[in-house]
Amino acid sequence: MESITTGPFVMRSTCRYCQGTRMYIKHKCTECEGKGSTVQRKKVTIPVPAGIEDGQTVRMSVGNKELFVTFRVEKSDYFKRDGADVHTEADISVSQAILGGTIRIQGLYEDHTLQVMPGTSSHTKIRLSGKGMKKVNGYGHGDHYVTFKISVPKHLNNKQKALITAYAELEEDTPGQIMGVTYKTDGKSGEMPFAGSEAKTQGKYSDDDGVPGFLSKIKRAIFG
């Protein structure tokens, strides 16, 4: 303690030199200023746990100290993460969606060859079990979900357009109308059917003169 006398008053306060520790360093270290330690910046190598999530904090031992490390996981343009599960999209052609086929996609650990079933609709989702991220606080891996998206061509040549038009003439469950195809019901112009309703199937024929049959349309598209 330090006593200060001012006339009839005596004030006591903590010693300005030892700060109450009863020890006073006359010649202080120029680096630590007598504290016995210094704060320094040091780069250390920290192992990244498999399956770590963005913003997750993990306690780790570095040397003889313990650190709380918060991880920031860079986002991917291809993989979309949901916990231990990952989601991706795969483009398929119109022909693959109708007839079926196979495609090859990129996975987390390896590439996968997927079977496209005939009649696959857009946004059909399949699951690859155990092909997702490793679970940090558990055993096993998550799943990899693949969503099929049908890639519709924006430009068709004359043969492709003729073939699609020929197919459209035979299609019986079209909701609405198709450009270049005229709808008829019992010889009279029918109203446009509602999408998703139980409307009766309407007959169709092409606006082209002569109303060629389906086989004739195919032959003309292929051989000209």
C-alpha atoms as a PDB file:
ATOM      1  CA  MET A   1       0.000   0.000   0.000  1.00  0.00           C
ATOM      2  CA  GLU A   2       1.048   3.590  -0.517  1.00  0.00           C
ATOM      3  CA  SER A   3       0.179   6.296   2.044  1.00  0.00           C
ATOM      4  CA  ILE A   4      -0.177   9.950   1.053  1.00  0.00           C
ATOM      5  CA  THR A   5      -0.463  12.575   3.840  1.00  0.00           C
ATOM      6  CA  THR A   6      -2.209  15.836   3.039  1.00  0.00           C
ATOM      7  CA  GLY A   7      -2.521  17.980   6.155  1.00  0.00           C
ATOM      8  CA  PRO A   8      -4.752  16.195   8.652  1.00  0.00           C
ATOM      9  CA  PHE A   9      -5.809  13.614   6.027  1.00  0.00           C
ATOM     10  CA  VAL A  10      -4.046  10.364   5.204  1.00  0.00           C
ATOM     11  CA  MET A  11      -4.966   8.499   2.022  1.00  0.00           C
ATOM     12  CA  ARG A  12      -3.954   4.978   1.134  1.00  0.00           C
ATOM     13  CA  SER A  13      -3.955   3.506  -2.337  1.00  0.00           C
ATOM     14  CA  THR A  14      -2.390   0.682  -4.308  1.00  0.00           C
ATOM     15  CA  CYS A  15       1.321   1.119  -4.825  1.00  0.00           C
ATOM     16  CA  ARG A  16       1.967   2.814  -8.124  1.00  0.00           C
ATOM     17  CA  TYR A  17       5.192   0.842  -8.638  1.00  0.00           C
ATOM     18  CA  CYS A  18       4.351  -2.781  -7.763  1.00  0.00           C
ATOM     19  CA  GLN A  19       0.572  -2.533  -8.346  1.00  0.00           C
ATOM     20  CA  GLY A  20      -0.016  -4.433  -5.089  1.00  0.00           C
ATOM     21  CA  THR A  21       2.161  -7.417  -6.011  1.00  0.00           C
ATOM     22  CA  ARG A  22       4.923  -6.469  -3.536  1.00  0.00           C
ATOM     23  CA  MET A  23       7.415  -6.950  -6.326  1.00  0.00           C
ATOM     24  CA  TYR A  24       8.987  -4.199  -8.323  1.00  0.00           C
ATOM     25  CA  ILE A  25      11.138  -4.662 -11.412  1.00  0.00           C
ATOM     26  CA  LYS A  26      13.475  -1.747 -11.628  1.00  0.00           C
ATOM     27  CA  HIS A  27      14.850  -2.539 -15.085  1.00  0.00           C
ATOM     28  CA  LYS A  28      11.988  -3.924 -17.166  1.00  0.00           C
ATOM     29  CA  CYS A  29      12.437  -6.011 -20.316  1.00  0.00           C
ATOM     30  CA  THR A  30      12.019  -3.899 -23.410  1.00  0.00           C
ATOM     31  CA  GLU A  31       9.938  -6.587 -25.165  1.00  0.00           C
ATOM     32  CA  CYS A  32       7.511  -7.839 -22.512  1.00  0.00           C
ATOM     33  CA  GLU A  33       7.714  -4.771 -20.214  1.00  0.00           C
ATOM     34  CA  GLY A  34       8.136  -7.033 -17.191  1.00  0.00           C
ATOM     35  CA  LYS A  35       5.053  -9.191 -17.889  1.00  0.00           C
ATOM     36  CA  GLY A  36       7.075 -12.304 -18.570  1.00  0.00           C
ATOM     37  CA  SER A  37       5.342 -13.070 -21.885  1.00  0.00           C
ATOM     38  CA  THR A  38       4.707 -11.477 -25.244  1.00  0.00           C
ATOM     39  CA  VAL A  39       1.876 -11.715 -27.763  1.00  0.00           C
ATOM     40  CA  GLN A  40       3.122 -12.917 -31.126  1.00  0.00           C
ATOM     41  CA  ARG A  41       1.631 -13.981 -34.438  1.00  0.00           C
ATOM     42  CA  LYS A  42       2.505 -17.481 -35.504  1.00  0.00           C
ATOM     43  CA  LYS A  43       1.318 -19.670 -38.348  1.00  0.00           C
ATOM     44  CA  VAL A  44       0.353 -23.189 -37.355  1.00  0.00           C
ATOM     45  CA  THR A  45      -0.945 -26.128 -39.386  1.00  0.00           C
ATOM     46  CA  ILE A  46      -4.410 -27.233 -38.280  1.00  0.00           C
ATOM     47  CA  PRO A  47      -5.982 -30.502 -39.483  1.00  0.00           C
ATOM     48  CA  VAL A  48      -9.395 -29.999 -41.093  1.00  0.00           C
ATOM     49  CA  PRO A  49     -11.922 -32.589 -39.866  1.00  0.00           C
ATOM     50  CA  ALA A  50     -13.672 -34.425 -42.705  1.00  0.00           C
ATOM     51  CA  GLY A  51     -17.244 -33.211 -43.170  1.00  0.00           C
ATOM     52  CA  ILE A  52     -16.776 -29.910 -41.313  1.00  0.00           C
ATOM     53  CA  GLU A  53     -19.579 -27.405 -41.949  1.00  0.00           C
ATOM     54  CA  ASP A  54     -19.393 -23.686 -42.605  1.00  0.00           C
ATOM     55  CA  GLY A  55     -19.334 -21.694 -39.351  1.00  0.00           C
ATOM     56  CA  GLN A  56     -18.678 -24.744 -37.178  1.00  0.00           C
ATOM     57  CA  THR A  57     -16.247 -24.213 -34.270  1.00  0.00           C
ATOM     58  CA  VAL A  58     -13.947 -27.013 -33.139  1.00  0.00           C
ATOM     59  CA  ARG A  59     -11.622 -27.130 -30.114  1.00  0.00           C
ATOM     60  CA  MET A  60      -8.132 -28.300 -31.015  1.00  0.00           C
ATOM     61  CA  SER A  61      -4.817 -28.780 -29.228  1.00  0.00           C
ATOM     62  CA  VAL A  62      -1.967 -26.866 -30.845  1.00  0.00           C
ATOM     63  CA  GLY A  63       1.323 -27.455 -29.040  1.00  0.00           C
ATOM     64  CA  ASN A  64       0.623 -27.130 -25.325  1.00  0.00           C
ATOM     65  CA  LYS A  65      -2.317 -24.796 -25.904  1.00  0.00           C
ATOM     66  CA  GLU A  66      -5.965 -25.261 -26.832  1.00  0.00           C
ATOM     67  CA  LEU A  67      -7.535 -23.222 -29.591  1.00  0.00           C
ATOM     68  CA  PHE A  68     -11.131 -22.742 -30.713  1.00  0.00           C
ATOM     69  CA  VAL A  69     -11.101 -22.687 -34.499  1.00  0.00           C
ATOM     70  CA  THR A  70     -14.091 -21.533 -36.571  1.00  0.00           C
ATOM     71  CA  PHE A  71     -14.053 -22.856 -40.142  1.00  0.00           C
ATOM     72  CA  ARG A  72     -15.328 -21.029 -43.202  1.00  0.00           C
ATOM     73  CA  VAL A  73     -16.096 -23.471 -46.014  1.00  0.00           C
ATOM     74  CA  GLU A  74     -15.873 -22.124 -49.546  1.00  0.00           C
ATOM     75  CA  LYS A  75     -19.086 -22.622 -51.524  1.00  0.00           C
ATOM     76  CA  SER A  76     -19.183 -24.745 -54.675  1.00  0.00           C
ATOM     77  CA  ASP A  77     -20.935 -23.848 -57.912  1.00  0.00           C
ATOM     78  CA  TYR A  78     -21.697 -27.525 -58.543  1.00  0.00           C
ATOM     79  CA  PHE A  79     -22.347 -29.136 -55.168  1.00  0.00           C
ATOM     80  CA  LYS A  80     -25.132 -27.848 -52.907  1.00  0.00           C
ATOM     81  CA  ARG A  81     -24.790 -29.037 -49.339  1.00  0.00           C
ATOM     82  CA  ASP A  82     -27.486 -29.900 -46.802  1.00  0.00           C
ATOM     83  CA  GLY A  83     -25.753 -31.199 -43.701  1.00  0.00           C
ATOM     84  CA  ALA A  84     -24.015 -34.426 -44.665  1.00  0.00           C
ATOM     85  CA  ASP A  85     -26.052 -34.687 -47.896  1.00  0.00           C
ATOM     86  CA  VAL A  86     -25.037 -33.085 -51.185  1.00  0.00           C
ATOM     87  CA  HIS A  87     -27.255 -32.139 -54.134  1.00  0.00           C
ATOM     88  CA  THR A  88     -26.278 -31.758 -57.781  1.00  0.00           C
ATOM     89  CA  GLU A  89     -28.096 -31.262 -61.083  1.00  0.00           C
ATOM     90  CA  ALA A  90     -27.536 -33.271 -64.257  1.00  0.00           C
ATOM     91  CA  ASP A  91     -28.685 -32.226 -67.731  1.00  0.00           C
ATOM     92  CA  ILE A  92     -30.195 -34.857 -70.011  1.00  0.00           C
ATOM     93  CA  SER A  93     -31.425 -34.523 -73.575  1.00  0.00           C
ATOM     94  CA  VAL A  94     -35.031 -34.883 -74.715  1.00  0.00           C
ATOM     95  CA  SER A  95     -34.147 -38.182 -76.389  1.00  0.00           C
ATOM     96  CA  GLN A  96     -32.604 -39.532 -73.189  1.00  0.00           C
ATOM     97  CA  ALA A  97     -35.663 -38.479 -71.188  1.00  0.00           C
ATOM     98  CA  ILE A  98     -37.999 -40.306 -73.590  1.00  0.00           C
ATOM     99  CA  LEU A  99     -35.961 -43.370 -74.542  1.00  0.00           C
ATOM    100  CA  GLY A 100     -33.649 -43.671 -71.536  1.00  0.00           C
ATOM    101  CA  GLY A 101     -29.874 -43.958 -71.501  1.00  0.00           C
ATOM    102  CA  THR A 102     -26.838 -43.386 -69.314  1.00  0.00           C
ATOM    103  CA  ILE A 103     -24.941 -40.290 -68.187  1.00  0.00           C
ATOM    104  CA  ARG A 104     -21.729 -39.714 -66.260  1.00  0.00           C
ATOM    105  CA  ILE A 105     -21.592 -37.241 -63.378  1.00  0.00           C
ATOM    106  CA  GLN A 106     -18.948 -35.969 -60.988  1.00  0.00           C
ATOM    107  CA  GLY A 107     -19.106 -37.196 -57.388  1.00  0.00           C
ATOM    108  CA  LEU A 108     -17.326 -36.155 -54.215  1.00  0.00           C
ATOM    109  CA  TYR A 109     -14.903 -39.057 -54.257  1.00  0.00           C
ATOM    110  CA  GLU A 110     -15.334 -40.583 -57.717  1.00  0.00           C
ATOM    111  CA  ASP A 111     -17.328 -40.257 -60.919  1.00  0.00           C
ATOM    112  CA  HIS A 112     -20.633 -42.125 -61.280  1.00  0.00           C
ATOM    113  CA  THR A 113     -22.455 -43.594 -64.280  1.00  0.00           C
ATOM    114  CA  LEU A 114     -26.213 -43.199 -63.834  1.00  0.00           C
ATOM    115  CA  GLN A 115     -29.043 -44.997 -65.587  1.00  0.00           C
ATOM    116  CA  VAL A 116     -31.729 -42.719 -67.053  1.00  0.00           C
ATOM    117  CA  MET A 117     -34.997 -44.624 -67.154  1.00  0.00           C
ATOM    118  CA  PRO A 118     -37.324 -44.250 -70.178  1.00  0.00           C
ATOM    119  CA  GLY A 119     -39.985 -41.608 -69.581  1.00  0.00           C
ATOM    120  CA  THR A 120     -37.934 -39.644 -67.056  1.00  0.00           C
ATOM    121  CA  SER A 121     -39.547 -36.300 -66.214  1.00  0.00           C
ATOM    122  CA  SER A 122     -37.692 -33.090 -65.539  1.00  0.00           C
ATOM    123  CA  HIS A 123     -36.640 -32.588 -61.894  1.00  0.00           C
ATOM    124  CA  THR A 124     -36.751 -36.323 -61.215  1.00  0.00           C
ATOM    125  CA  LYS A 125     -34.480 -36.940 -58.219  1.00  0.00           C
ATOM    126  CA  ILE A 126     -32.434 -40.059 -57.484  1.00  0.00           C
ATOM    127  CA  ARG A 127     -30.378 -40.919 -54.402  1.00  0.00           C
ATOM    128  CA  LEU A 128     -26.857 -42.307 -54.279  1.00  0.00           C
ATOM    129  CA  SER A 129     -26.697 -43.840 -50.809  1.00  0.00           C
ATOM    130  CA  GLY A 130     -23.544 -43.180 -48.786  1.00  0.00           C
ATOM    131  CA  LYS A 131     -21.943 -40.970 -51.451  1.00  0.00           C
ATOM    132  CA  GLY A 132     -22.285 -37.696 -49.535  1.00  0.00           C
ATOM    133  CA  MET A 133     -20.123 -35.938 -46.938  1.00  0.00           C
ATOM    134  CA  LYS A 134     -18.630 -37.703 -43.953  1.00  0.00           C
ATOM    135  CA  LYS A 135     -20.593 -37.090 -40.763  1.00  0.00           C
ATOM    136  CA  VAL A 136     -18.497 -35.083 -38.279  1.00  0.00           C
ATOM    137  CA  ASN A 137     -20.275 -36.137 -35.100  1.00  0.00           C
ATOM    138  CA  GLY A 138     -21.224 -39.625 -36.190  1.00  0.00           C
ATOM    139  CA  TYR A 139     -20.371 -42.614 -38.318  1.00  0.00           C
ATOM    140  CA  GLY A 140     -20.865 -43.101 -42.029  1.00  0.00           C
ATOM    141  CA  HIS A 141     -21.576 -40.674 -44.829  1.00  0.00           C
ATOM    142  CA  GLY A 142     -24.556 -38.744 -46.100  1.00  0.00           C
ATOM    143  CA  ASP A 143     -26.238 -39.246 -49.478  1.00  0.00           C
ATOM    144  CA  HIS A 144     -25.726 -37.697 -52.901  1.00  0.00           C
ATOM    145  CA  TYR A 145     -28.979 -36.558 -54.545  1.00  0.00           C
ATOM    146  CA  VAL A 146     -29.023 -35.997 -58.313  1.00  0.00           C
ATOM    147  CA  THR A 147     -31.817 -34.007 -59.983  1.00  0.00           C
ATOM    148  CA  PHE A 148     -32.349 -34.550 -63.707  1.00  0.00           C
ATOM    149  CA  LYS A 149     -33.092 -31.474 -65.793  1.00  0.00           C
ATOM    150  CA  ILE A 150     -34.192 -31.915 -69.399  1.00  0.00           C
ATOM    151  CA  SER A 151     -32.220 -29.703 -71.764  1.00  0.00           C
ATOM    152  CA  VAL A 152     -34.633 -28.526 -74.471  1.00  0.00           C
ATOM    153  CA  PRO A 153     -32.939 -27.491 -77.743  1.00  0.00           C
ATOM    154  CA  LYS A 154     -33.612 -23.883 -78.719  1.00  0.00           C
ATOM    155  CA  HIS A 155     -32.765 -24.319 -82.397  1.00  0.00           C
ATOM    156  CA  LEU A 156     -33.821 -27.196 -84.672  1.00  0.00           C
ATOM    157  CA  ASN A 157     -32.868 -27.890 -88.260  1.00  0.00           C
ATOM    158  CA  ASN A 158     -35.531 -28.727 -90.823  1.00  0.00           C
ATOM    159  CA  LYS A 159     -35.272 -32.493 -90.331  1.00  0.00           C
ATOM    160  CA  GLN A 160     -35.498 -32.261 -86.559  1.00  0.00           C
ATOM    161  CA  LYS A 161     -38.473 -29.906 -86.748  1.00  0.00           C
ATOM    162  CA  ALA A 162     -40.263 -32.182 -89.217  1.00  0.00           C
ATOM    163  CA  LEU A 163     -39.753 -35.204 -86.979  1.00  0.00           C
ATOM    164  CA  ILE A 164     -41.017 -33.370 -83.892  1.00  0.00           C
ATOM    165  CA  THR A 165     -44.048 -32.111 -85.830  1.00  0.00           C
ATOM    166  CA  ALA A 166     -44.807 -35.643 -87.006  1.00  0.00           C
ATOM    167  CA  TYR A 167     -44.641 -36.878 -83.424  1.00  0.00           C
ATOM    168  CA  ALA A 168     -46.870 -34.013 -82.254  1.00  0.00           C
ATOM    169  CA  GLU A 169     -49.584 -35.121 -84.675  1.00  0.00           C
ATOM    170  CA  LEU A 170     -49.775 -38.486 -82.896  1.00  0.00           C
ATOM    171  CA  GLU A 171     -49.566 -37.135 -79.350  1.00  0.00           C
ATOM    172  CA  GLU A 172     -52.878 -37.588 -77.548  1.00  0.00           C
ATOM    173  CA  ASP A 173     -52.426 -35.950 -74.143  1.00  0.00           C
ATOM    174  CA  THR A 174     -51.198 -32.484 -75.046  1.00  0.00           C
ATOM    175  CA  PRO A 175     -52.368 -29.807 -72.548  1.00  0.00           C
ATOM    176  CA  GLY A 176     -53.134 -26.809 -74.748  1.00  0.00           C
ATOM    177  CA  GLN A 177     -52.053 -26.398 -78.351  1.00  0.00           C
ATOM    178  CA  ILE A 178     -48.873 -26.846 -80.361  1.00  0.00           C
ATOM    179  CA  MET A 179     -47.664 -24.300 -82.897  1.00  0.00           C
ATOM    180  CA  GLY A 180     -48.022 -25.626 -86.435  1.00  0.00           C
ATOM    181  CA  VAL A 181     -50.595 -28.277 -85.465  1.00  0.00           C
ATOM    182  CA  THR A 182     -54.350 -27.683 -85.863  1.00  0.00           C
ATOM    183  CA  TYR A 183     -56.836 -29.295 -83.461  1.00  0.00           C
ATOM    184  CA  LYS A 184     -60.151 -30.734 -84.671  1.00  0.00           C
ATOM    185  CA  THR A 185     -63.026 -32.450 -82.844  1.00  0.00           C
ATOM    186  CA  ASP A 186     -65.668 -34.206 -85.013  1.00  0.00           C
ATOM    187  CA  GLY A 187     -64.817 -31.993 -87.936  1.00  0.00           C
ATOM    188  CA  LYS A 188     -65.330 -28.784 -85.946  1.00  0.00           C
ATOM    189  CA  SER A 189     -62.826 -26.462 -84.360  1.00  0.00           C
ATOM    190  CA  GLY A 190     -62.560 -27.537 -80.721  1.00  0.00           C
ATOM    191  CA  GLU A 191     -61.796 -25.394 -77.703  1.00  0.00           C
ATOM    192  CA  MET A 192     -58.359 -25.509 -76.109  1.00  0.00           C
ATOM    193  CA  PRO A 193     -58.302 -28.199 -73.375  1.00  0.00           C
ATOM    194  CA  PHE A 194     -57.360 -27.356 -69.812  1.00  0.00           C
ATOM    195  CA  ALA A 195     -53.960 -28.509 -68.559  1.00  0.00           C
ATOM    196  CA  GLY A 196     -54.474 -31.282 -66.001  1.00  0.00           C
ATOM    197  CA  SER A 197     -58.204 -31.665 -66.731  1.00  0.00           C
ATOM    198  CA  GLU A 198     -60.089 -34.721 -67.969  1.00  0.00           C
ATOM    199  CA  ALA A 199     -60.725 -33.128 -71.327  1.00  0.00           C
ATOM    200  CA  LYS A 200     -61.374 -35.437 -74.241  1.00  0.00           C
ATOM    201  CA  THR A 201     -58.510 -36.177 -76.574  1.00  0.00           C
ATOM    202  CA  GLN A 202     -58.623 -34.076 -79.720  1.00  0.00           C
ATOM    203  CA  GLY A 203     -57.462 -35.122 -83.144  1.00  0.00           C
ATOM    204  CA  LYS A 204     -54.761 -33.074 -84.811  1.00  0.00           C
ATOM    205  CA  TYR A 205     -53.427 -32.478 -88.264  1.00  0.00           C
ATOM    206  CA  SER A 206     -50.642 -30.317 -89.592  1.00  0.00           C
ATOM    207  CA  ASP A 207     -51.231 -26.928 -91.171  1.00  0.00           C
ATOM    208  CA  ASP A 208     -49.115 -28.075 -94.114  1.00  0.00           C
ATOM    209  CA  ASP A 209     -50.994 -28.606 -97.393  1.00  0.00           C
ATOM    210  CA  GLY A 210     -51.794 -32.195 -98.200  1.00  0.00           C
ATOM    211  CA  VAL A 211     -51.810 -33.352 -94.560  1.00  0.00           C
ATOM    212  CA  PRO A 212     -49.052 -35.963 -95.012  1.00  0.00           C
ATOM    213  CA  GLY A 213     -49.170 -39.106 -92.917  1.00  0.00           C
ATOM    214  CA  PHE A 214     -46.702 -39.903 -90.198  1.00  0.00           C
ATOM    215  CA  LEU A 215     -44.554 -42.270 -92.273  1.00  0.00           C
ATOM    216  CA  SER A 216     -44.528 -39.875 -95.201  1.00  0.00           C
ATOM    217  CA  LYS A 217     -43.429 -37.114 -92.856  1.00  0.00           C
ATOM    218  CA  ILE A 218     -40.566 -39.260 -91.556  1.00  0.00           C
ATOM    219  CA  LYS A 219     -39.412 -40.177 -95.054  1.00  0.00           C
ATOM    220  CA  ARG A 220     -39.507 -36.567 -96.181  1.00  0.00           C
ATOM    221  CA  ALA A 221     -37.551 -35.464 -93.110  1.00  0.00           C
ATOM    222  CA  ILE A 222     -34.833 -38.064 -93.671  1.00  0.00           C
ATOM    223  CA  PHE A 223     -34.549 -38.277 -97.446  1.00  0.00           C
ATOM    224  CA  GLY A 224     -35.853 -34.827 -98.371  1.00  0.00           C
END
